[in-house]
Amino acid sequence: MKIFNAFAFCLFCLLYINSSFCEDEQVPVTCGSIIRLQNLETLNHLHSHNINYGSGSRQQSVTGLRNTDDTGSLWLVKGKHGTECPQGRILANGDIIRLEHLTTRKNLHSHQYKSPLSNNQEVSAFGQNSRGDSGDNFELVLENGKWYRDEEIILKHESTNSYLADSSIQYGKPVQGQTEICTLKNKDPQSIKWKATYGIYFPAERNEI
């Protein structure tokens, strides 16, 4: 039954993941939404898979991938570690969120290990069955108050005060051509800017509009 439910859910994703929205409509990013995050400099999508780093933390690796229809680039938007974020709650500047990798159920994570290619700060996917720790927390940094699809955002790792980035340095095998994702202390580079693109966006609660 669990296998069937997982298959049905994946089919649902494939049917709706490229749903289009009215050009004039601002689509809010809400808790419970399933999104792709695209880096504004490299145009790669935040991606993960069942491949661990060979050094550093040896946790599940996170990379940048140009492919637009890979289910390994889907992330579930959740609230801060230890808290619940009701489905449909619009997220705003300063909110603390977690991103759960949809296919492996590990959370986007960072810590003091060095990243393997650029020697910045490593980013991994961490935890088990969606449970992790405070190293999964990222602060939303927005110019405007609320988070909308296709709007530029920055994700600041809460415990290390560093910023999620695509280093643009490519790996060899077994993830040939995929790029290193890391965090940077410098807030200036274009490589730390992202936007939410295709996904499943749950409507905002009435009291959130």
Protein backbone atom coordinates (compact mmCIF):
# COMPACT_ATOMS: atom_id res chain seq x y z
CA MET A 1 0.00 0.00 0.00
CA LYS A 2 2.81 2.45 0.84
CA ILE A 3 4.46 1.76 -2.52
CA PHE A 4 1.17 2.40 -4.30
CA ASN A 5 0.59 5.65 -2.40
CA ALA A 6 4.10 6.87 -3.23
CA PHE A 7 3.56 6.03 -6.90
CA ALA A 8 0.21 7.83 -6.92
CA PHE A 9 1.76 10.89 -5.32
CA CYS A 10 4.59 10.96 -7.85
CA LEU A 11 2.07 10.66 -10.67
CA PHE A 12 0.17 13.59 -9.15
CA CYS A 13 3.41 15.58 -9.12
CA LEU A 14 4.16 14.79 -12.75
CA LEU A 15 0.67 15.80 -13.82
CA TYR A 16 0.69 19.13 -11.98
CA ILE A 17 4.30 20.14 -11.58
CA ASN A 18 4.38 22.28 -14.72
CA SER A 19 1.00 23.88 -14.15
CA SER A 20 0.94 27.40 -15.54
CA PHE A 21 -0.47 30.43 -13.80
CA CYS A 22 -1.96 33.66 -15.09
CA GLU A 23 0.87 36.04 -15.97
CA ASP A 24 -0.73 38.84 -13.96
CA GLU A 25 -1.31 36.74 -10.86
CA GLN A 26 1.16 36.77 -7.99
CA VAL A 27 1.41 33.23 -6.66
CA PRO A 28 2.36 33.15 -2.96
CA VAL A 29 4.76 30.52 -1.65
CA THR A 30 3.01 28.88 1.28
CA CYS A 31 3.85 26.22 3.83
CA GLY A 32 3.16 22.81 2.35
CA SER A 33 3.96 23.90 -1.20
CA ILE A 34 6.33 21.79 -3.29
CA ILE A 35 8.71 23.93 -5.30
CA ARG A 36 11.79 24.03 -7.46
CA LEU A 37 14.43 26.63 -6.57
CA GLN A 38 16.46 28.09 -9.44
CA ASN A 39 19.71 29.97 -8.98
CA LEU A 40 19.58 33.34 -10.76
CA GLU A 41 23.24 33.27 -11.81
CA THR A 42 23.75 29.70 -13.03
CA LEU A 43 20.07 28.91 -13.81
CA ASN A 44 20.62 25.54 -12.12
CA HIS A 45 18.00 24.04 -9.83
CA LEU A 46 18.67 23.00 -6.24
CA HIS A 47 18.94 19.21 -6.44
CA SER A 48 19.68 16.14 -4.35
CA HIS A 49 19.80 12.35 -4.78
CA ASN A 50 20.86 9.15 -3.01
CA ILE A 51 24.58 9.89 -3.40
CA ASN A 52 26.67 10.84 -0.37
CA TYR A 53 29.75 13.05 -0.25
CA GLY A 54 33.01 11.10 -0.28
CA SER A 55 34.56 13.50 2.24
CA GLY A 56 33.48 16.10 4.79
CA SER A 57 30.24 15.12 6.53
CA ARG A 58 29.65 12.16 4.16
CA GLN A 59 25.97 13.07 4.25
CA GLN A 60 23.71 13.12 1.19
CA SER A 61 25.05 15.52 -1.42
CA VAL A 62 23.23 18.58 -2.77
CA THR A 63 24.05 19.88 -6.23
CA GLY A 64 22.91 22.29 -8.93
CA LEU A 65 21.18 20.71 -11.93
CA ARG A 66 20.03 22.47 -15.12
CA ASN A 67 17.37 19.84 -15.97
CA THR A 68 13.90 21.30 -15.38
CA ASP A 69 11.85 18.11 -14.99
CA ASP A 70 13.89 15.99 -12.58
CA THR A 71 11.91 14.98 -9.47
CA GLY A 72 15.17 15.18 -7.48
CA SER A 73 14.80 18.98 -7.67
CA LEU A 74 11.51 19.12 -5.75
CA TRP A 75 11.44 20.50 -2.20
CA LEU A 76 8.65 20.65 0.37
CA VAL A 77 8.42 23.98 2.21
CA LYS A 78 8.14 23.60 6.00
CA GLY A 79 8.41 25.72 9.12
CA LYS A 80 11.35 26.11 11.50
CA HIS A 81 12.74 23.00 13.20
CA GLY A 82 10.54 22.05 16.13
CA THR A 83 7.54 24.07 14.96
CA GLU A 84 4.53 23.47 12.74
CA CYS A 85 3.74 25.74 9.80
CA PRO A 86 0.06 25.39 8.77
CA GLN A 87 -0.52 24.50 5.13
CA GLY A 88 -1.46 27.66 3.25
CA ARG A 89 0.44 30.09 5.46
CA ILE A 90 2.20 32.68 3.30
CA LEU A 91 5.89 33.08 4.08
CA ALA A 92 7.52 36.48 4.46
CA ASN A 93 10.84 38.25 4.95
CA GLY A 94 12.55 37.07 8.13
CA ASP A 95 10.64 33.79 8.42
CA ILE A 96 12.68 30.68 9.24
CA ILE A 97 11.92 27.72 6.98
CA ARG A 98 13.14 24.23 6.18
CA LEU A 99 13.20 22.56 2.77
CA GLU A 100 12.57 18.81 2.69
CA HIS A 101 13.86 16.90 -0.33
CA LEU A 102 10.73 15.24 -1.67
CA THR A 103 12.16 11.93 -2.85
CA THR A 104 14.58 11.14 0.00
CA ARG A 105 12.78 12.99 2.85
CA LYS A 106 15.99 14.62 4.08
CA ASN A 107 16.22 18.32 4.90
CA LEU A 108 18.43 20.92 3.27
CA HIS A 109 21.20 21.40 5.81
CA SER A 110 24.50 23.13 6.44
CA HIS A 111 27.28 23.03 9.04
CA GLN A 112 30.97 23.87 9.50
CA TYR A 113 32.38 21.20 7.14
CA LYS A 114 34.16 22.57 4.07
CA SER A 115 32.52 22.10 0.70
CA PRO A 116 34.43 19.63 -1.50
CA LEU A 117 35.28 21.82 -4.51
CA SER A 118 35.40 25.47 -3.44
CA ASN A 119 36.29 25.04 0.27
CA ASN A 120 33.37 27.22 1.27
CA GLN A 121 30.77 25.74 3.66
CA GLU A 122 29.24 22.37 2.82
CA VAL A 123 25.51 21.99 2.11
CA SER A 124 23.97 18.55 2.49
CA ALA A 125 20.62 16.80 2.82
CA PHE A 126 20.29 15.53 6.39
CA GLY A 127 17.95 13.65 8.70
CA GLN A 128 15.67 10.66 8.49
CA ASN A 129 12.00 10.53 7.50
CA SER A 130 11.87 14.36 7.44
CA ARG A 131 13.34 14.72 10.96
CA GLY A 132 16.56 16.71 11.32
CA ASP A 133 17.89 19.43 13.62
CA SER A 134 18.40 23.19 13.86
CA GLY A 135 21.07 23.02 11.13
CA ASP A 136 18.14 22.70 8.71
CA ASN A 137 16.89 26.23 9.42
CA PHE A 138 17.20 28.93 6.76
CA GLU A 139 16.01 32.53 7.05
CA LEU A 140 14.11 34.07 4.13
CA VAL A 141 15.63 37.36 2.97
CA LEU A 142 13.28 39.29 0.66
CA GLU A 143 13.16 42.84 -0.62
CA ASN A 144 9.37 42.79 -0.49
CA GLY A 145 7.34 41.59 2.47
CA LYS A 146 5.86 38.29 1.28
CA TRP A 147 7.36 35.46 -0.77
CA TYR A 148 5.93 34.99 -4.26
CA ARG A 149 6.81 32.62 -7.06
CA ASP A 150 9.50 34.01 -9.44
CA GLU A 151 10.54 36.64 -6.88
CA GLU A 152 14.23 36.96 -6.00
CA ILE A 153 15.10 35.55 -2.58
CA ILE A 154 18.17 34.82 -0.48
CA LEU A 155 18.35 31.91 1.98
CA LYS A 156 20.49 32.62 5.03
CA HIS A 157 21.59 29.63 7.09
CA GLU A 158 20.46 30.54 10.57
CA SER A 159 23.15 28.96 12.74
CA THR A 160 26.20 29.90 10.65
CA ASN A 161 25.08 33.25 9.15
CA SER A 162 26.02 32.17 5.64
CA TYR A 163 24.10 32.26 2.36
CA LEU A 164 23.00 29.39 0.12
CA ALA A 165 24.88 29.60 -3.20
CA ASP A 166 25.74 27.75 -6.39
CA SER A 167 29.53 27.83 -6.75
CA SER A 168 29.18 26.97 -10.50
CA ILE A 169 32.12 24.52 -10.15
CA GLN A 170 31.21 21.24 -11.81
CA TYR A 171 31.63 17.75 -10.41
CA GLY A 172 32.96 14.76 -12.30
CA LYS A 173 31.50 11.27 -11.98
CA PRO A 174 29.10 10.10 -10.60
CA VAL A 175 27.28 13.47 -10.97
CA GLN A 176 29.05 14.70 -14.10
CA GLY A 177 28.22 18.30 -14.95
CA GLN A 178 26.28 19.03 -11.78
CA THR A 179 27.57 21.97 -9.75
CA GLU A 180 28.59 22.38 -6.14
CA ILE A 181 26.06 23.95 -3.79
CA CYS A 182 27.61 25.62 -0.74
CA THR A 183 27.08 28.57 1.58
CA LEU A 184 29.04 31.82 1.50
CA LYS A 185 29.72 34.41 4.18
CA ASN A 186 29.61 37.17 1.54
CA LYS A 187 26.13 38.54 0.83
CA ASP A 188 27.10 40.32 -2.39
CA PRO A 189 27.52 37.66 -5.13
CA GLN A 190 24.71 37.01 -7.61
CA SER A 191 25.24 33.30 -6.90
CA ILE A 192 23.29 33.55 -3.62
CA LYS A 193 20.07 34.68 -5.33
CA TRP A 194 17.28 32.19 -6.04
CA LYS A 195 13.66 32.07 -7.12
CA ALA A 196 10.84 29.53 -6.73
CA THR A 197 9.69 28.26 -10.12
CA TYR A 198 7.45 25.37 -11.17
CA GLY A 199 5.73 23.51 -8.38
CA ILE A 200 2.54 22.77 -6.49
CA TYR A 201 1.48 25.92 -4.65
CA PHE A 202 -1.19 25.49 -2.01
CA PRO A 203 -3.64 28.41 -1.88
CA ALA A 204 -3.18 30.89 0.92
CA GLU A 205 -5.45 30.64 3.93
CA ARG A 206 -8.22 33.24 3.92
CA ASN A 207 -6.73 35.15 6.83
CA GLU A 208 -3.36 35.28 5.01
CA ILE A 209 -4.62 37.13 1.90
